Amino acid sequence: MWKSFSPPSPLPPPRAPLCVLPLFLLLWFILLCGAVHAEVLRVVYPANEAPGDARFADLIEILHTALERTAAEDGPFELQPSAMEMNEARYLSALKQGQLINIAWSSTSIDKERDLLPLRIPLRKGLLGYRIALIAREQQARIDQIHSLDDLRRFSVGQGLGWGDVKLYQAAGIKVAQASYDKLFRMLTLGRFDLFPRGVTEVYAEYALRAPDDPRLTVEKNLLLYYPWPYYFFFNRKDDALKQRVESGIRMMLRDGSFDALFWKYNGKAIEQANLRGRRVIALPNTMLPRETPLGETGLWLDPTKQLP
C-alpha cells in the first residue's frame, strides 16, 4: 500500500560560525570602551583681567602648541580661559587650592616654587627682566637724572596687585604704588607714582592702546631696568601629569626651533623698537630667585649682547 508522500521540510539557513558573532561583539566592545576612555583633557588658564588685554597671547600659543605636539601620545585636549577674569594674586591662589584653573603663568620666586609646581623653562627667554617704563610725558627730563640704583630710589614705581615684582622693588629700597592693572595707567599720568616699568614686549602695545585716551602718557626714552626674571608655567603641586605633558611638548618645540620662532614672532618687533643697546642700564638684584633656576642653560635665555637685531 502506497503511503502518501510528504516533501521534506526545508533546511534551515546556514548559521554563522559560532565564533564570528562573539568576535564582532568583542571588537565592538573594545571600540566602545576605547571611545569612552579617550577622555578629553581640559586645560583651563586664567582669563585676562581687562578687555583687550593681549599680554599673554604668546604664552597661550606656546601652551596650545605644546599640547598639540603631545596629543598623539597623550590624547585630545580642550584649552580654554577661566569663566571669570582673574588678577595674578587671585589666579595663583586658585591654582594652589586646585580650583577654577589648572595652569597659570608667573614670574618665579622661592615662595611660589614651594607652593606650586614650576616648569623651569623661561617662557620669554628672560626678556621680562628687561624693563622699559611708561611715564607722564613731562617727567622725561627728571627721569634723565637717573644714572644709578641710588638715583632710582628717589623715584616711585607702579605695580599691579599681587605682581611678583612688588617685593623685588621694595627689597631694592624703591617705593611701590599698587592698584589693579587697568587703573595704573591713569594713576601714572595723575602723578601718583613716577614710572610704570613694563616688559619690552608690553610697553609699546600698551602705549598704543592707552595713549589715544591719555595724551600725557609716553614711553620713557633712555632708561632700561634689568633684573633676572624668569617667567614660568605653574601647576598645582598634585598635577604632575599635566606638568610633564606640557614640558614634553615644549622640549619638542625647543629641539625643532618652533619655540624660538614663536619668541621672535611675538617679541622681535618690540625688541628692535626698544633700542636696548642704546639705553642706560640700571641693574636690580633679585633676592627671590630660587637656586634651581636654570641660568646655566644658555639656550633658554636671551643674550642682548649677541642675539639682538
Protein backbone atom coordinates (compact mmCIF):
# COMPACT_ATOMS: atom_id res chain seq x y z
CA MET A 1 0.00 0.00 0.00
CA TRP A 2 1.27 3.28 -1.10
CA LYS A 3 1.91 5.88 1.57
CA SER A 4 1.26 9.50 0.84
CA PHE A 5 4.37 11.45 0.01
CA SER A 6 5.33 14.46 2.13
CA PRO A 7 8.12 16.68 0.85
CA PRO A 8 10.94 17.06 3.29
CA SER A 9 10.99 20.17 5.43
CA PRO A 10 13.24 22.88 4.01
CA LEU A 11 16.69 23.04 5.55
CA PRO A 12 17.27 25.94 7.90
CA PRO A 13 19.53 28.72 6.57
CA PRO A 14 23.14 28.16 7.39
CA ARG A 15 24.22 29.71 10.63
CA ALA A 16 27.22 31.89 11.01
CA PRO A 17 30.04 30.05 12.64
CA LEU A 18 29.68 30.32 16.37
CA CYS A 19 32.96 32.18 16.69
CA VAL A 20 32.03 35.06 14.32
CA LEU A 21 29.29 36.75 16.33
CA PRO A 22 31.20 36.81 19.60
CA LEU A 23 34.26 38.18 17.76
CA PHE A 24 32.19 41.01 16.24
CA LEU A 25 30.72 41.82 19.63
CA LEU A 26 34.19 41.76 21.18
CA LEU A 27 35.56 44.21 18.61
CA TRP A 28 32.57 46.50 19.05
CA PHE A 29 33.00 46.38 22.82
CA ILE A 30 36.71 47.23 22.54
CA LEU A 31 36.00 50.19 20.28
CA LEU A 32 33.25 51.38 22.57
CA CYS A 33 35.49 51.15 25.61
CA GLY A 34 38.24 52.97 23.78
CA ALA A 35 35.88 55.81 22.92
CA VAL A 36 34.66 56.00 26.49
CA HIS A 37 38.16 56.06 27.97
CA ALA A 38 39.68 58.53 25.45
CA GLU A 39 38.80 61.35 27.80
CA VAL A 40 39.48 64.88 26.66
CA LEU A 41 41.99 66.71 28.85
CA ARG A 42 40.54 70.05 29.92
CA VAL A 43 43.20 72.71 30.43
CA VAL A 44 41.98 75.98 31.95
CA TYR A 45 44.18 79.07 32.19
CA PRO A 46 43.41 82.49 33.78
CA ALA A 47 41.16 84.79 31.78
CA ASN A 48 42.59 88.26 31.14
CA GLU A 49 41.79 90.81 33.81
CA ALA A 50 41.00 93.64 31.37
CA PRO A 51 39.17 93.81 27.99
CA GLY A 52 41.52 93.93 25.02
CA ASP A 53 44.44 92.72 27.14
CA ALA A 54 46.75 90.71 24.85
CA ARG A 55 49.76 90.47 27.17
CA PHE A 56 49.66 86.68 27.31
CA ALA A 57 48.80 85.75 23.72
CA ASP A 58 52.29 84.31 23.21
CA LEU A 59 52.02 82.12 26.30
CA ILE A 60 48.65 80.78 25.21
CA GLU A 61 50.07 79.89 21.79
CA ILE A 62 53.08 78.16 23.37
CA LEU A 63 50.73 76.17 25.60
CA HIS A 64 48.41 75.24 22.74
CA THR A 65 51.32 74.15 20.55
CA ALA A 66 52.85 72.06 23.36
CA LEU A 67 49.54 70.26 23.95
CA GLU A 68 49.13 69.65 20.22
CA ARG A 69 52.61 68.13 19.98
CA THR A 70 51.74 65.61 22.68
CA ALA A 71 48.20 64.77 21.51
CA ALA A 72 49.21 61.66 19.56
CA GLU A 73 50.68 60.09 22.67
CA ASP A 74 48.67 61.67 25.47
CA GLY A 75 45.26 62.17 23.89
CA PRO A 76 42.92 65.03 22.93
CA PHE A 77 42.58 68.25 24.88
CA GLU A 78 40.47 71.36 25.26
CA LEU A 79 42.17 74.66 26.08
CA GLN A 80 40.05 77.48 27.47
CA PRO A 81 40.18 80.53 29.75
CA SER A 82 38.61 80.55 33.19
CA ALA A 83 34.99 81.59 33.50
CA MET A 84 35.92 84.79 35.33
CA GLU A 85 38.61 87.44 34.97
CA MET A 86 41.45 86.96 37.44
CA ASN A 87 44.38 89.09 38.57
CA GLU A 88 47.67 87.38 39.40
CA ALA A 89 47.14 87.15 43.15
CA ARG A 90 43.76 85.53 42.63
CA TYR A 91 44.78 83.03 40.00
CA LEU A 92 47.86 81.88 41.91
CA SER A 93 45.70 81.35 44.99
CA ALA A 94 43.10 79.43 42.94
CA LEU A 95 45.81 77.25 41.39
CA LYS A 96 47.32 76.45 44.78
CA GLN A 97 43.87 75.37 46.01
CA GLY A 98 43.14 73.34 42.85
CA GLN A 99 40.14 75.49 41.92
CA LEU A 100 38.91 77.13 38.69
CA ILE A 101 42.17 76.67 36.72
CA ASN A 102 44.87 74.03 36.36
CA ILE A 103 47.68 76.08 34.82
CA ALA A 104 48.92 79.65 35.23
CA TRP A 105 51.93 81.78 34.35
CA SER A 106 54.00 83.95 36.62
CA SER A 107 57.47 85.10 37.49
CA THR A 108 59.17 82.67 39.81
CA SER A 109 60.23 83.01 43.43
CA ILE A 110 61.23 80.77 46.31
CA ASP A 111 57.74 81.07 47.81
CA LYS A 112 55.95 80.26 44.54
CA GLU A 113 58.08 77.20 43.89
CA ARG A 114 57.29 76.00 47.40
CA ASP A 115 53.53 76.40 46.95
CA LEU A 116 53.19 75.45 43.27
CA LEU A 117 54.78 73.12 40.73
CA PRO A 118 57.08 75.07 38.37
CA LEU A 119 58.03 74.17 34.83
CA ARG A 120 61.52 75.69 34.78
CA ILE A 121 61.66 76.86 31.17
CA PRO A 122 61.60 80.69 30.88
CA LEU A 123 58.70 81.28 28.51
CA ARG A 124 60.06 84.56 27.18
CA LYS A 125 63.75 83.65 27.39
CA GLY A 126 64.18 86.02 30.35
CA LEU A 127 63.06 89.01 28.29
CA LEU A 128 60.67 90.15 31.04
CA GLY A 129 63.69 91.03 33.13
CA TYR A 130 64.38 93.93 30.76
CA ARG A 131 62.03 96.76 31.72
CA ILE A 132 61.13 99.99 29.93
CA ALA A 133 58.90 102.43 31.75
CA LEU A 134 55.75 104.21 30.77
CA ILE A 135 55.86 107.74 32.19
CA ALA A 136 53.99 111.02 32.13
CA ARG A 137 55.39 112.98 29.21
CA GLU A 138 56.54 115.96 31.29
CA GLN A 139 58.67 113.70 33.55
CA GLN A 140 61.27 112.75 30.92
CA ALA A 141 63.83 115.43 31.89
CA ARG A 142 63.57 114.49 35.55
CA ILE A 143 63.97 110.78 34.83
CA ASP A 144 67.05 111.54 32.72
CA GLN A 145 68.79 112.26 36.03
CA ILE A 146 68.72 108.55 36.93
CA HIS A 147 72.18 107.02 36.46
CA SER A 148 72.37 104.51 39.33
CA LEU A 149 70.25 102.43 41.65
CA ASP A 150 70.65 105.09 44.32
CA ASP A 151 69.22 107.65 41.90
CA LEU A 152 66.32 105.32 41.12
CA ARG A 153 65.47 105.10 44.82
CA ARG A 154 64.35 108.74 44.72
CA PHE A 155 61.50 107.73 42.39
CA SER A 156 58.43 105.56 42.84
CA VAL A 157 57.09 102.81 40.58
CA GLY A 158 53.61 101.42 39.96
CA GLN A 159 52.78 97.71 40.03
CA GLY A 160 49.66 95.57 39.82
CA LEU A 161 48.06 93.88 42.80
CA GLY A 162 49.82 90.61 43.54
CA TRP A 163 52.61 91.08 40.99
CA GLY A 164 55.84 89.36 41.94
CA ASP A 165 57.89 92.45 41.08
CA VAL A 166 56.44 94.33 44.06
CA LYS A 167 58.70 92.57 46.56
CA LEU A 168 61.71 92.93 44.27
CA TYR A 169 61.37 96.71 44.04
CA GLN A 170 60.65 97.01 47.73
CA ALA A 171 63.71 94.89 48.58
CA ALA A 172 65.78 97.28 46.44
CA GLY A 173 64.54 100.23 48.51
CA ILE A 174 62.12 101.61 45.91
CA LYS A 175 58.67 102.86 46.86
CA VAL A 176 55.86 100.95 45.14
CA ALA A 177 52.27 102.07 44.49
CA GLN A 178 49.86 99.18 43.87
CA ALA A 179 46.49 99.08 42.11
CA SER A 180 44.55 96.96 39.66
CA TYR A 181 46.21 96.77 36.25
CA ASP A 182 43.60 98.85 34.46
CA LYS A 183 43.91 101.76 36.93
CA LEU A 184 47.69 102.08 36.86
CA PHE A 185 47.89 104.00 33.58
CA ARG A 186 45.69 106.84 34.75
CA MET A 187 47.36 106.91 38.17
CA LEU A 188 50.71 107.36 36.42
CA THR A 189 49.71 110.45 34.47
CA LEU A 190 47.97 111.87 37.54
CA GLY A 191 51.33 111.77 39.34
CA ARG A 192 50.57 109.05 41.90
CA PHE A 193 53.93 107.45 41.03
CA ASP A 194 56.79 108.17 38.61
CA LEU A 195 57.50 105.10 36.48
CA PHE A 196 55.42 102.14 35.37
CA PRO A 197 58.09 99.57 34.35
CA ARG A 198 56.81 97.24 31.65
CA GLY A 199 58.19 94.30 29.75
CA VAL A 200 59.82 95.11 26.41
CA THR A 201 57.00 93.33 24.59
CA GLU A 202 54.30 95.01 26.67
CA VAL A 203 55.27 98.65 26.73
CA TYR A 204 54.68 99.69 23.10
CA ALA A 205 51.45 97.74 22.71
CA GLU A 206 50.08 99.22 25.93
CA TYR A 207 51.15 102.71 24.88
CA ALA A 208 49.38 102.34 21.52
CA LEU A 209 46.23 101.15 23.27
CA ARG A 210 46.14 103.78 26.05
CA ALA A 211 47.68 106.92 24.54
CA PRO A 212 44.60 107.95 22.48
CA ASP A 213 42.67 108.38 25.74
CA ASP A 214 45.58 109.86 27.71
CA PRO A 215 47.93 112.02 25.58
CA ARG A 216 50.22 112.68 28.55
CA LEU A 217 51.29 109.03 28.52
CA THR A 218 54.56 108.18 26.75
CA VAL A 219 57.34 105.59 26.62
CA GLU A 220 60.49 106.64 28.51
CA LYS A 221 63.37 107.11 26.04
CA ASN A 222 66.68 106.35 27.71
CA LEU A 223 66.45 104.01 30.70
CA LEU A 224 66.48 100.21 30.91
CA LEU A 225 65.91 98.41 34.20
CA TYR A 226 67.21 94.86 34.39
CA TYR A 227 66.78 92.02 36.86
CA PRO A 228 66.81 88.24 36.27
CA TRP A 229 63.11 87.44 35.96
CA PRO A 230 62.21 84.04 34.51
CA TYR A 231 58.53 83.61 33.72
CA TYR A 232 57.22 80.04 34.01
CA PHE A 233 54.12 77.92 33.66
CA PHE A 234 52.96 76.80 37.11
CA PHE A 235 50.69 73.91 38.13
CA ASN A 236 49.01 72.62 41.25
CA ARG A 237 51.51 70.50 43.19
CA LYS A 238 49.31 67.41 42.72
CA ASP A 239 49.11 67.80 38.93
CA ASP A 240 52.48 66.45 37.88
CA ALA A 241 50.93 64.64 34.89
CA LEU A 242 49.83 67.89 33.24
CA LYS A 243 53.19 69.49 34.02
CA GLN A 244 55.05 66.57 32.43
CA ARG A 245 52.87 66.71 29.31
CA VAL A 246 53.36 70.45 28.80
CA GLU A 247 57.09 70.16 29.44
CA SER A 248 57.40 67.32 26.95
CA GLY A 249 55.69 69.42 24.29
CA ILE A 250 57.85 72.48 24.96
CA ARG A 251 61.03 70.38 24.86
CA MET A 252 59.95 69.19 21.41
CA MET A 253 59.49 72.83 20.38
CA LEU A 254 62.94 73.74 21.68
CA ARG A 255 64.53 70.93 19.68
CA ASP A 256 62.82 71.72 16.37
CA GLY A 257 63.18 75.52 16.62
CA SER A 258 59.48 76.33 16.84
CA PHE A 259 59.82 77.72 20.37
CA ASP A 260 62.36 80.31 19.20
CA ALA A 261 60.23 81.02 16.13
CA LEU A 262 57.29 81.91 18.38
CA PHE A 263 59.55 84.03 20.57
CA TRP A 264 60.68 86.20 17.65
CA LYS A 265 57.17 86.27 16.16
CA TYR A 266 55.81 87.95 19.28
CA ASN A 267 58.89 89.82 20.51
CA GLY A 268 61.13 90.66 17.55
CA LYS A 269 59.48 93.93 16.56
CA ALA A 270 59.35 95.24 20.14
CA ILE A 271 62.98 94.27 20.78
CA GLU A 272 64.07 96.20 17.71
CA GLN A 273 61.91 99.19 18.64
CA ALA A 274 63.21 99.23 22.22
CA ASN A 275 66.82 100.01 21.23
CA LEU A 276 68.13 98.08 24.23
CA ARG A 277 71.78 98.71 23.40
CA GLY A 278 71.21 102.46 23.36
CA ARG A 279 69.73 102.70 26.88
CA ARG A 280 71.33 103.27 30.29
CA VAL A 281 71.06 100.04 32.27
CA ILE A 282 70.17 100.06 35.96
CA ALA A 283 70.53 96.57 37.45
CA LEU A 284 68.40 95.48 40.39
CA PRO A 285 69.12 92.36 42.47
CA ASN A 286 66.56 89.56 42.60
CA THR A 287 66.86 88.00 46.05
CA MET A 288 63.76 85.84 45.39
CA LEU A 289 65.39 83.78 42.65
CA PRO A 290 65.44 80.06 43.56
CA ARG A 291 68.73 78.15 43.39
CA GLU A 292 67.16 75.74 40.88
CA THR A 293 66.76 78.47 38.24
CA PRO A 294 68.44 77.07 35.08
CA LEU A 295 70.68 80.08 34.46
CA GLY A 296 73.38 77.76 33.09
CA GLU A 297 71.17 76.55 30.19
CA THR A 298 72.17 79.40 27.92
CA GLY A 299 69.87 78.29 25.09
CA LEU A 300 66.85 79.13 27.24
CA TRP A 301 67.78 82.80 27.67
CA LEU A 302 68.03 85.87 25.50
CA ASP A 303 71.51 87.40 25.39
CA PRO A 304 71.08 91.04 24.26
CA THR A 305 74.81 91.35 23.51
CA LYS A 306 74.63 88.58 20.90
CA GLN A 307 71.07 87.93 19.79
CA LEU A 308 69.52 91.32 19.15
CA PRO A 309 68.79 92.53 15.60
